[in-house]
Amino acid sequence: MTTLPHPLYSSFDNSFSIHLSRTYNLSILLGRDRFSFCFNRHDDNCLIGLESYGFSISNTQLSSQNDALEWCKELSILLESLDALKKPFHKVGIAVECHKSTLIPGELFSEGNQNELLLFNQPVEEFEFYRHEQIPKLEAELIYAIPSCIVSALHSIFPETEISNASGQMIETLLKTSHEPVGDGKLYANVRGDWVEIICIEKEKLRYFNSFQYRTREDLAYYIIFVIEQLGLNPDTITLLLMGNIERESERFELLFRYIRNIRLINKSLTKVGKQMLIDFPVSNYFNLLSFAKCV
């Protein structure tokens, strides 16, 4: 049974007016657990609004196709209800979080073999289709699968907007902003729904990227510790930066802190933000959306 998406967070500057939409950029981040979007003024990139809604994730053992259909239904209901997103904007950007992806060196990639390259690592089903995009910083291609109904739902409201992969956007941002010329580098964990993406950047290069589905806080800790062990990192010296759906005052954070000493929520300054939005603004929760919008 499809349920209505529920509001998670909303913050707007007093200067925000939907009647000025043509002067705003709209950035959207869509995941299986939430739909978030923000507005920034095009002329000075000032963040003036952010809103987020949560989707239900069924605890029953739905097939992957039925789960995708439930996701699409909730997304369509939400998009139909958000009249503000139907206004004309200066620019619209959409990034989607996908579970099935693989990174391929640019010299090994071609349009003709992207299906086989993704199938080598990930099962792709009939209701999904292949996409790819370049990650210039890596000189690589990210190949991924996305439910076709998700693309149709998004294009029903934003027919001219290109859809990108959120993981690719995140990797590009972290490569540009992580400056760790020596030592063990940094480990990043992006917690989204019942998935976690783990990225290791060492000497300004991507050393590791993978995603894992987890059910409990112990599962989450296990996968992060597993990656640390597999990469030969020292849990006493490695820095772990958390982002997404995780709070400092949470059991998941406390459990991770038992094993990894240098752990904190990612916190980067906003480039420019309306004064009314500065109080207790949760940058780490919406880091990927804000970086996609070039607001951090």
C-alpha atoms as a PDB file:
ATOM      1  CA  MET A   1       0.000   0.000   0.000  1.00  0.00           C
ATOM      2  CA  THR A   2       1.415   3.360  -1.057  1.00  0.00           C
ATOM      3  CA  THR A   3       1.651   5.941   1.731  1.00  0.00           C
ATOM      4  CA  LEU A   4       1.968   9.687   1.468  1.00  0.00           C
ATOM      5  CA  PRO A   5       5.507  11.060   1.756  1.00  0.00           C
ATOM      6  CA  HIS A   6       6.030  12.876   5.052  1.00  0.00           C
ATOM      7  CA  PRO A   7       7.906  16.166   5.642  1.00  0.00           C
ATOM      8  CA  LEU A   8      11.341  15.848   7.254  1.00  0.00           C
ATOM      9  CA  TYR A   9      12.793  19.355   7.177  1.00  0.00           C
ATOM     10  CA  SER A  10      11.939  22.809   5.874  1.00  0.00           C
ATOM     11  CA  SER A  11      13.834  26.083   6.145  1.00  0.00           C
ATOM     12  CA  PHE A  12      13.432  29.257   4.083  1.00  0.00           C
ATOM     13  CA  ASP A  13      14.979  32.695   4.206  1.00  0.00           C
ATOM     14  CA  ASN A  14      12.646  35.675   4.523  1.00  0.00           C
ATOM     15  CA  SER A  15      13.808  36.878   1.108  1.00  0.00           C
ATOM     16  CA  PHE A  16      12.460  33.755  -0.616  1.00  0.00           C
ATOM     17  CA  SER A  17       9.513  34.317  -2.956  1.00  0.00           C
ATOM     18  CA  ILE A  18       8.287  31.706  -5.408  1.00  0.00           C
ATOM     19  CA  HIS A  19       7.200  34.565  -7.665  1.00  0.00           C
ATOM     20  CA  LEU A  20      10.915  35.173  -8.309  1.00  0.00           C
ATOM     21  CA  SER A  21      11.479  31.569  -9.428  1.00  0.00           C
ATOM     22  CA  ARG A  22      13.002  32.612 -12.760  1.00  0.00           C
ATOM     23  CA  THR A  23      15.930  34.083 -10.808  1.00  0.00           C
ATOM     24  CA  TYR A  24      16.484  30.885  -8.769  1.00  0.00           C
ATOM     25  CA  ASN A  25      18.299  27.612  -9.380  1.00  0.00           C
ATOM     26  CA  LEU A  26      16.452  24.501  -8.216  1.00  0.00           C
ATOM     27  CA  SER A  27      18.532  21.467  -7.185  1.00  0.00           C
ATOM     28  CA  ILE A  28      16.916  18.099  -6.406  1.00  0.00           C
ATOM     29  CA  LEU A  29      18.377  15.013  -4.733  1.00  0.00           C
ATOM     30  CA  LEU A  30      16.230  11.879  -4.989  1.00  0.00           C
ATOM     31  CA  GLY A  31      16.903   8.731  -2.980  1.00  0.00           C
ATOM     32  CA  ARG A  32      14.896   5.671  -2.042  1.00  0.00           C
ATOM     33  CA  ASP A  33      14.322   7.073   1.447  1.00  0.00           C
ATOM     34  CA  ARG A  34      13.862  10.784   0.756  1.00  0.00           C
ATOM     35  CA  PHE A  35      13.290  13.586  -1.748  1.00  0.00           C
ATOM     36  CA  SER A  36      15.142  16.818  -0.983  1.00  0.00           C
ATOM     37  CA  PHE A  37      15.464  20.070  -2.878  1.00  0.00           C
ATOM     38  CA  CYS A  38      16.925  23.517  -2.391  1.00  0.00           C
ATOM     39  CA  PHE A  39      16.709  26.941  -3.975  1.00  0.00           C
ATOM     40  CA  ASN A  40      19.591  29.338  -4.466  1.00  0.00           C
ATOM     41  CA  ARG A  41      19.675  32.704  -6.157  1.00  0.00           C
ATOM     42  CA  HIS A  42      21.346  32.436  -9.530  1.00  0.00           C
ATOM     43  CA  ASP A  43      23.150  35.784  -9.386  1.00  0.00           C
ATOM     44  CA  ASP A  44      25.063  35.185  -6.127  1.00  0.00           C
ATOM     45  CA  ASN A  45      24.386  31.476  -5.404  1.00  0.00           C
ATOM     46  CA  CYS A  46      22.905  32.347  -2.009  1.00  0.00           C
ATOM     47  CA  LEU A  47      20.999  29.454  -0.456  1.00  0.00           C
ATOM     48  CA  ILE A  48      17.496  30.673   0.407  1.00  0.00           C
ATOM     49  CA  GLY A  49      15.431  27.515   0.876  1.00  0.00           C
ATOM     50  CA  LEU A  50      15.651  23.787   1.534  1.00  0.00           C
ATOM     51  CA  GLU A  51      12.943  21.186   2.008  1.00  0.00           C
ATOM     52  CA  SER A  52      12.934  17.409   2.401  1.00  0.00           C
ATOM     53  CA  TYR A  53      10.320  14.629   2.408  1.00  0.00           C
ATOM     54  CA  GLY A  54      10.648  11.022   3.500  1.00  0.00           C
ATOM     55  CA  PHE A  55       9.462   7.934   1.618  1.00  0.00           C
ATOM     56  CA  SER A  56       8.365   4.742   3.312  1.00  0.00           C
ATOM     57  CA  ILE A  57      10.711   1.783   2.962  1.00  0.00           C
ATOM     58  CA  SER A  58       8.752  -1.439   3.300  1.00  0.00           C
ATOM     59  CA  ASN A  59       9.969  -3.985   5.822  1.00  0.00           C
ATOM     60  CA  THR A  60       8.333  -6.762   3.837  1.00  0.00           C
ATOM     61  CA  GLN A  61      10.285  -8.757   1.314  1.00  0.00           C
ATOM     62  CA  LEU A  62       9.037  -7.007  -1.802  1.00  0.00           C
ATOM     63  CA  SER A  63      10.626  -7.932  -5.095  1.00  0.00           C
ATOM     64  CA  SER A  64      12.995  -5.279  -6.416  1.00  0.00           C
ATOM     65  CA  GLN A  65      10.494  -4.461  -9.169  1.00  0.00           C
ATOM     66  CA  ASN A  66       7.593  -4.003  -6.752  1.00  0.00           C
ATOM     67  CA  ASP A  67       9.785  -1.917  -4.465  1.00  0.00           C
ATOM     68  CA  ALA A  68      10.680   0.308  -7.435  1.00  0.00           C
ATOM     69  CA  LEU A  69       6.981   0.649  -8.284  1.00  0.00           C
ATOM     70  CA  GLU A  70       6.189   1.713  -4.710  1.00  0.00           C
ATOM     71  CA  TRP A  71       8.999   4.261  -4.890  1.00  0.00           C
ATOM     72  CA  CYS A  72       7.665   5.593  -8.193  1.00  0.00           C
ATOM     73  CA  LYS A  73       4.127   5.910  -6.826  1.00  0.00           C
ATOM     74  CA  GLU A  74       5.270   7.876  -3.796  1.00  0.00           C
ATOM     75  CA  LEU A  75       7.449  10.102  -5.962  1.00  0.00           C
ATOM     76  CA  SER A  76       4.600  10.806  -8.394  1.00  0.00           C
ATOM     77  CA  ILE A  77       2.219  11.680  -5.537  1.00  0.00           C
ATOM     78  CA  LEU A  78       4.782  14.034  -4.011  1.00  0.00           C
ATOM     79  CA  LEU A  79       5.683  15.737  -7.295  1.00  0.00           C
ATOM     80  CA  GLU A  80       2.022  16.314  -8.072  1.00  0.00           C
ATOM     81  CA  SER A  81       1.503  17.985  -4.682  1.00  0.00           C
ATOM     82  CA  LEU A  82       4.517  20.333  -4.814  1.00  0.00           C
ATOM     83  CA  ASP A  83       3.218  23.213  -6.923  1.00  0.00           C
ATOM     84  CA  ALA A  84       6.317  25.302  -6.224  1.00  0.00           C
ATOM     85  CA  LEU A  85       8.461  22.898  -8.256  1.00  0.00           C
ATOM     86  CA  LYS A  86       6.284  23.405 -11.320  1.00  0.00           C
ATOM     87  CA  LYS A  87       7.287  27.051 -11.637  1.00  0.00           C
ATOM     88  CA  PRO A  88       9.826  28.191 -14.245  1.00  0.00           C
ATOM     89  CA  PHE A  89      13.389  28.354 -12.858  1.00  0.00           C
ATOM     90  CA  HIS A  90      16.643  29.751 -14.179  1.00  0.00           C
ATOM     91  CA  LYS A  91      18.182  26.288 -13.937  1.00  0.00           C
ATOM     92  CA  VAL A  92      17.096  22.874 -12.657  1.00  0.00           C
ATOM     93  CA  GLY A  93      19.442  20.038 -11.655  1.00  0.00           C
ATOM     94  CA  ILE A  94      18.451  16.514 -10.578  1.00  0.00           C
ATOM     95  CA  ALA A  95      20.677  13.852  -9.001  1.00  0.00           C
ATOM     96  CA  VAL A  96      19.406  10.355  -8.188  1.00  0.00           C
ATOM     97  CA  GLU A  97      20.884   7.890  -5.695  1.00  0.00           C
ATOM     98  CA  CYS A  98      21.234   4.473  -7.351  1.00  0.00           C
ATOM     99  CA  HIS A  99      22.220   1.149  -5.781  1.00  0.00           C
ATOM    100  CA  LYS A 100      23.637  -0.497  -8.905  1.00  0.00           C
ATOM    101  CA  SER A 101      26.744   1.111 -10.365  1.00  0.00           C
ATOM    102  CA  THR A 102      30.335   0.465 -11.343  1.00  0.00           C
ATOM    103  CA  LEU A 103      33.338   2.665 -12.125  1.00  0.00           C
ATOM    104  CA  ILE A 104      35.235   1.969 -15.344  1.00  0.00           C
ATOM    105  CA  PRO A 105      38.494   3.607 -16.510  1.00  0.00           C
ATOM    106  CA  GLY A 106      37.753   5.872 -19.444  1.00  0.00           C
ATOM    107  CA  GLU A 107      40.025   3.979 -21.829  1.00  0.00           C
ATOM    108  CA  LEU A 108      38.076   0.741 -21.242  1.00  0.00           C
ATOM    109  CA  PHE A 109      34.625   2.248 -21.730  1.00  0.00           C
ATOM    110  CA  SER A 110      32.495   2.435 -24.840  1.00  0.00           C
ATOM    111  CA  GLU A 111      28.771   2.938 -25.387  1.00  0.00           C
ATOM    112  CA  GLY A 112      28.574  -0.500 -26.943  1.00  0.00           C
ATOM    113  CA  ASN A 113      29.894  -2.433 -23.952  1.00  0.00           C
ATOM    114  CA  GLN A 114      28.372  -0.539 -20.997  1.00  0.00           C
ATOM    115  CA  ASN A 115      25.697  -3.224 -20.497  1.00  0.00           C
ATOM    116  CA  GLU A 116      28.249  -6.015 -20.206  1.00  0.00           C
ATOM    117  CA  LEU A 117      30.478  -3.947 -17.903  1.00  0.00           C
ATOM    118  CA  LEU A 118      27.665  -3.270 -15.440  1.00  0.00           C
ATOM    119  CA  LEU A 119      26.332  -6.833 -15.630  1.00  0.00           C
ATOM    120  CA  PHE A 120      29.769  -8.090 -14.653  1.00  0.00           C
ATOM    121  CA  ASN A 121      29.198  -6.618 -11.166  1.00  0.00           C
ATOM    122  CA  GLN A 122      25.471  -5.971 -10.863  1.00  0.00           C
ATOM    123  CA  PRO A 123      22.286  -7.795 -11.938  1.00  0.00           C
ATOM    124  CA  VAL A 124      20.124  -5.469 -14.028  1.00  0.00           C
ATOM    125  CA  GLU A 125      16.436  -6.233 -14.478  1.00  0.00           C
ATOM    126  CA  GLU A 126      13.976  -5.512 -17.274  1.00  0.00           C
ATOM    127  CA  PHE A 127      12.353  -2.554 -15.494  1.00  0.00           C
ATOM    128  CA  GLU A 128      15.728  -0.791 -15.237  1.00  0.00           C
ATOM    129  CA  PHE A 129      17.855   0.728 -17.933  1.00  0.00           C
ATOM    130  CA  TYR A 130      21.514   1.637 -18.278  1.00  0.00           C
ATOM    131  CA  ARG A 131      22.972   5.093 -18.044  1.00  0.00           C
ATOM    132  CA  HIS A 132      26.502   6.428 -17.760  1.00  0.00           C
ATOM    133  CA  GLU A 133      28.296   9.662 -17.046  1.00  0.00           C
ATOM    134  CA  GLN A 134      31.875  10.837 -17.006  1.00  0.00           C
ATOM    135  CA  ILE A 135      33.750  11.690 -13.818  1.00  0.00           C
ATOM    136  CA  PRO A 136      36.456  14.043 -15.122  1.00  0.00           C
ATOM    137  CA  LYS A 137      38.525  14.045 -11.930  1.00  0.00           C
ATOM    138  CA  LEU A 138      38.902  10.257 -12.205  1.00  0.00           C
ATOM    139  CA  GLU A 139      39.125  10.047 -15.984  1.00  0.00           C
ATOM    140  CA  ALA A 140      36.491   7.345 -15.558  1.00  0.00           C
ATOM    141  CA  GLU A 141      32.906   6.516 -16.440  1.00  0.00           C
ATOM    142  CA  LEU A 142      30.241   5.669 -13.884  1.00  0.00           C
ATOM    143  CA  ILE A 143      27.787   3.133 -15.319  1.00  0.00           C
ATOM    144  CA  TYR A 144      24.577   2.614 -13.397  1.00  0.00           C
ATOM    145  CA  ALA A 145      21.034   1.260 -13.572  1.00  0.00           C
ATOM    146  CA  ILE A 146      17.919   3.221 -12.668  1.00  0.00           C
ATOM    147  CA  PRO A 147      14.224   2.229 -12.690  1.00  0.00           C
ATOM    148  CA  SER A 148      12.703   3.564 -15.907  1.00  0.00           C
ATOM    149  CA  CYS A 149       9.561   4.669 -14.045  1.00  0.00           C
ATOM    150  CA  ILE A 150      11.659   7.016 -11.881  1.00  0.00           C
ATOM    151  CA  VAL A 151      13.015   8.777 -14.955  1.00  0.00           C
ATOM    152  CA  SER A 152       9.490   9.003 -16.407  1.00  0.00           C
ATOM    153  CA  ALA A 153       8.103  10.491 -13.179  1.00  0.00           C
ATOM    154  CA  LEU A 154      10.851  13.117 -13.030  1.00  0.00           C
ATOM    155  CA  HIS A 155      10.575  14.008 -16.712  1.00  0.00           C
ATOM    156  CA  SER A 156       6.812  14.441 -16.376  1.00  0.00           C
ATOM    157  CA  ILE A 157       7.549  17.579 -14.315  1.00  0.00           C
ATOM    158  CA  PHE A 158      11.031  18.444 -15.634  1.00  0.00           C
ATOM    159  CA  PRO A 159      11.018  17.275 -19.273  1.00  0.00           C
ATOM    160  CA  GLU A 160      14.160  19.164 -20.314  1.00  0.00           C
ATOM    161  CA  THR A 161      16.291  18.464 -17.237  1.00  0.00           C
ATOM    162  CA  GLU A 162      19.217  16.069 -17.389  1.00  0.00           C
ATOM    163  CA  ILE A 163      19.303  13.478 -14.613  1.00  0.00           C
ATOM    164  CA  SER A 164      22.684  12.685 -13.067  1.00  0.00           C
ATOM    165  CA  ASN A 165      23.992  10.088 -10.630  1.00  0.00           C
ATOM    166  CA  ALA A 166      24.330  11.321  -7.052  1.00  0.00           C
ATOM    167  CA  SER A 167      27.313   9.065  -6.302  1.00  0.00           C
ATOM    168  CA  GLY A 168      29.260  10.488  -9.222  1.00  0.00           C
ATOM    169  CA  GLN A 169      28.500  14.012  -8.059  1.00  0.00           C
ATOM    170  CA  MET A 170      29.604  13.126  -4.519  1.00  0.00           C
ATOM    171  CA  ILE A 171      32.896  11.570  -5.643  1.00  0.00           C
ATOM    172  CA  GLU A 172      33.698  14.625  -7.770  1.00  0.00           C
ATOM    173  CA  THR A 173      32.986  16.977  -4.861  1.00  0.00           C
ATOM    174  CA  LEU A 174      35.060  15.017  -2.347  1.00  0.00           C
ATOM    175  CA  LEU A 175      38.004  14.739  -4.742  1.00  0.00           C
ATOM    176  CA  LYS A 176      37.954  18.502  -5.216  1.00  0.00           C
ATOM    177  CA  THR A 177      37.660  19.336  -1.515  1.00  0.00           C
ATOM    178  CA  SER A 178      39.691  16.596   0.234  1.00  0.00           C
ATOM    179  CA  HIS A 179      43.275  17.731   0.661  1.00  0.00           C
ATOM    180  CA  GLU A 180      45.201  14.967   2.423  1.00  0.00           C
ATOM    181  CA  PRO A 181      48.665  14.776   0.812  1.00  0.00           C
ATOM    182  CA  VAL A 182      50.117  12.465   3.484  1.00  0.00           C
ATOM    183  CA  GLY A 183      48.938   9.904   6.018  1.00  0.00           C
ATOM    184  CA  ASP A 184      46.036   7.496   5.807  1.00  0.00           C
ATOM    185  CA  GLY A 185      43.755   9.884   3.963  1.00  0.00           C
ATOM    186  CA  LYS A 186      40.077  10.162   4.811  1.00  0.00           C
ATOM    187  CA  LEU A 187      37.194   7.746   4.880  1.00  0.00           C
ATOM    188  CA  TYR A 188      33.695   8.991   4.096  1.00  0.00           C
ATOM    189  CA  ALA A 189      30.427   7.208   4.842  1.00  0.00           C
ATOM    190  CA  ASN A 190      27.222   8.461   3.275  1.00  0.00           C
ATOM    191  CA  VAL A 191      24.272   6.929   5.126  1.00  0.00           C
ATOM    192  CA  ARG A 192      21.094   6.900   3.031  1.00  0.00           C
ATOM    193  CA  GLY A 193      18.068   4.825   3.946  1.00  0.00           C
ATOM    194  CA  ASP A 194      19.217   1.256   4.486  1.00  0.00           C
ATOM    195  CA  TRP A 195      22.330   1.727   2.350  1.00  0.00           C
ATOM    196  CA  VAL A 196      25.745   3.174   3.102  1.00  0.00           C
ATOM    197  CA  GLU A 197      28.291   4.387   0.561  1.00  0.00           C
ATOM    198  CA  ILE A 198      31.903   4.229   1.671  1.00  0.00           C
ATOM    199  CA  ILE A 199      34.624   6.260  -0.029  1.00  0.00           C
ATOM    200  CA  CYS A 200      38.329   6.426   0.731  1.00  0.00           C
ATOM    201  CA  ILE A 201      40.399   9.305  -0.635  1.00  0.00           C
ATOM    202  CA  GLU A 202      44.144   9.154  -0.186  1.00  0.00           C
ATOM    203  CA  LYS A 203      46.657  11.707  -1.465  1.00  0.00           C
ATOM    204  CA  GLU A 204      43.830  13.460  -3.338  1.00  0.00           C
ATOM    205  CA  LYS A 205      43.005  10.276  -5.283  1.00  0.00           C
ATOM    206  CA  LEU A 206      40.081   7.889  -5.020  1.00  0.00           C
ATOM    207  CA  ARG A 207      41.275   4.663  -3.458  1.00  0.00           C
ATOM    208  CA  TYR A 208      37.957   2.954  -2.742  1.00  0.00           C
ATOM    209  CA  PHE A 209      34.236   3.286  -3.464  1.00  0.00           C
ATOM    210  CA  ASN A 210      31.463   0.813  -2.723  1.00  0.00           C
ATOM    211  CA  SER A 211      27.951   0.639  -1.296  1.00  0.00           C
ATOM    212  CA  PHE A 212      26.400  -1.843   1.117  1.00  0.00           C
ATOM    213  CA  GLN A 213      22.860  -2.554   2.216  1.00  0.00           C
ATOM    214  CA  TYR A 214      22.519  -2.811   5.992  1.00  0.00           C
ATOM    215  CA  ARG A 215      19.701  -3.550   8.456  1.00  0.00           C
ATOM    216  CA  THR A 216      21.044  -2.775  11.927  1.00  0.00           C
ATOM    217  CA  ARG A 217      23.549  -0.390  13.518  1.00  0.00           C
ATOM    218  CA  GLU A 218      25.843  -3.400  13.969  1.00  0.00           C
ATOM    219  CA  ASP A 219      25.684  -4.051  10.221  1.00  0.00           C
ATOM    220  CA  LEU A 220      26.619  -0.444   9.515  1.00  0.00           C
ATOM    221  CA  ALA A 221      29.600  -0.608  11.871  1.00  0.00           C
ATOM    222  CA  TYR A 222      30.647  -3.975  10.437  1.00  0.00           C
ATOM    223  CA  TYR A 223      30.829  -2.734   6.839  1.00  0.00           C
ATOM    224  CA  ILE A 224      32.822   0.367   7.744  1.00  0.00           C
ATOM    225  CA  ILE A 225      35.251  -1.615   9.894  1.00  0.00           C
ATOM    226  CA  PHE A 226      35.481  -4.275   7.174  1.00  0.00           C
ATOM    227  CA  VAL A 227      36.548  -1.627   4.641  1.00  0.00           C
ATOM    228  CA  ILE A 228      39.118  -0.207   7.075  1.00  0.00           C
ATOM    229  CA  GLU A 229      40.610  -3.688   7.560  1.00  0.00           C
ATOM    230  CA  GLN A 230      40.586  -4.534   3.846  1.00  0.00           C
ATOM    231  CA  LEU A 231      42.384  -1.297   2.998  1.00  0.00           C
ATOM    232  CA  GLY A 232      44.933  -1.832   5.760  1.00  0.00           C
ATOM    233  CA  LEU A 233      43.992   1.413   7.504  1.00  0.00           C
ATOM    234  CA  ASN A 234      44.572   2.134  11.177  1.00  0.00           C
ATOM    235  CA  PRO A 235      41.253   2.736  13.021  1.00  0.00           C
ATOM    236  CA  ASP A 236      43.157   4.846  15.582  1.00  0.00           C
ATOM    237  CA  THR A 237      44.459   7.318  12.994  1.00  0.00           C
ATOM    238  CA  ILE A 238      42.050   7.252  10.059  1.00  0.00           C
ATOM    239  CA  THR A 239      39.517  10.095   9.938  1.00  0.00           C
ATOM    240  CA  LEU A 240      35.931   8.994   9.318  1.00  0.00           C
ATOM    241  CA  LEU A 241      33.538  11.676   8.090  1.00  0.00           C
ATOM    242  CA  LEU A 242      29.831  10.865   8.188  1.00  0.00           C
ATOM    243  CA  MET A 243      27.056  12.435   6.139  1.00  0.00           C
ATOM    244  CA  GLY A 244      23.444  11.775   5.282  1.00  0.00           C
ATOM    245  CA  ASN A 245      20.895  10.199   7.583  1.00  0.00           C
ATOM    246  CA  ILE A 246      22.938   9.993  10.786  1.00  0.00           C
ATOM    247  CA  GLU A 247      23.087  12.228  13.854  1.00  0.00           C
ATOM    248  CA  ARG A 248      25.847  12.911  16.387  1.00  0.00           C
ATOM    249  CA  GLU A 249      23.548  11.950  19.241  1.00  0.00           C
ATOM    250  CA  SER A 250      22.567   8.528  17.911  1.00  0.00           C
ATOM    251  CA  GLU A 251      23.260   4.900  18.755  1.00  0.00           C
ATOM    252  CA  ARG A 252      24.846   4.330  15.349  1.00  0.00           C
ATOM    253  CA  PHE A 253      27.342   7.151  15.875  1.00  0.00           C
ATOM    254  CA  GLU A 254      28.163   5.984  19.406  1.00  0.00           C
ATOM    255  CA  LEU A 255      28.763   2.418  18.231  1.00  0.00           C
ATOM    256  CA  LEU A 256      31.146   3.570  15.511  1.00  0.00           C
ATOM    257  CA  PHE A 257      32.995   5.743  18.032  1.00  0.00           C
ATOM    258  CA  ARG A 258      33.873   2.635  20.044  1.00  0.00           C
ATOM    259  CA  TYR A 259      36.045   1.413  17.177  1.00  0.00           C
ATOM    260  CA  ILE A 260      37.109   4.550  15.321  1.00  0.00           C
ATOM    261  CA  ARG A 261      38.510   7.421  17.374  1.00  0.00           C
ATOM    262  CA  ASN A 262      38.640  10.187  14.772  1.00  0.00           C
ATOM    263  CA  ILE A 263      34.997  10.336  13.751  1.00  0.00           C
ATOM    264  CA  ARG A 264      32.757  13.323  13.097  1.00  0.00           C
ATOM    265  CA  LEU A 265      29.958  14.613  10.943  1.00  0.00           C
ATOM    266  CA  ILE A 266      31.142  16.316   7.781  1.00  0.00           C
ATOM    267  CA  ASN A 267      30.892  20.064   8.189  1.00  0.00           C
ATOM    268  CA  LYS A 268      31.796  22.492   5.448  1.00  0.00           C
ATOM    269  CA  SER A 269      30.883  26.146   5.361  1.00  0.00           C
ATOM    270  CA  LEU A 270      28.070  27.252   3.107  1.00  0.00           C
ATOM    271  CA  THR A 271      29.290  29.598   0.385  1.00  0.00           C
ATOM    272  CA  LYS A 272      26.446  32.034   1.011  1.00  0.00           C
ATOM    273  CA  VAL A 273      23.198  31.544   2.903  1.00  0.00           C
ATOM    274  CA  GLY A 274      20.205  33.608   3.951  1.00  0.00           C
ATOM    275  CA  LYS A 275      20.439  34.847   7.545  1.00  0.00           C
ATOM    276  CA  GLN A 276      17.248  33.105   8.665  1.00  0.00           C
ATOM    277  CA  MET A 277      18.650  29.706   7.608  1.00  0.00           C
ATOM    278  CA  LEU A 278      21.883  29.841   9.608  1.00  0.00           C
ATOM    279  CA  ILE A 279      20.507  28.668  12.952  1.00  0.00           C
ATOM    280  CA  ASP A 280      21.195  24.950  13.518  1.00  0.00           C
ATOM    281  CA  PHE A 281      21.395  24.253   9.786  1.00  0.00           C
ATOM    282  CA  PRO A 282      22.104  20.505   9.322  1.00  0.00           C
ATOM    283  CA  VAL A 283      24.867  20.659   6.684  1.00  0.00           C
ATOM    284  CA  SER A 284      25.921  17.020   7.173  1.00  0.00           C
ATOM    285  CA  ASN A 285      22.376  15.726   6.618  1.00  0.00           C
ATOM    286  CA  TYR A 286      22.098  17.491   3.265  1.00  0.00           C
ATOM    287  CA  PHE A 287      25.747  17.690   2.252  1.00  0.00           C
ATOM    288  CA  ASN A 288      25.272  15.926  -1.092  1.00  0.00           C
ATOM    289  CA  LEU A 289      22.348  18.128  -2.086  1.00  0.00           C
ATOM    290  CA  LEU A 290      24.225  21.272  -1.054  1.00  0.00           C
ATOM    291  CA  SER A 291      27.398  20.230  -2.884  1.00  0.00           C
ATOM    292  CA  PHE A 292      25.336  19.342  -5.971  1.00  0.00           C
ATOM    293  CA  ALA A 293      23.855  22.850  -5.784  1.00  0.00           C
ATOM    294  CA  LYS A 294      27.406  24.253  -5.316  1.00  0.00           C
ATOM    295  CA  CYS A 295      26.410  25.805  -2.003  1.00  0.00           C
ATOM    296  CA  VAL A 296      29.360  24.286  -0.042  1.00  0.00           C
END
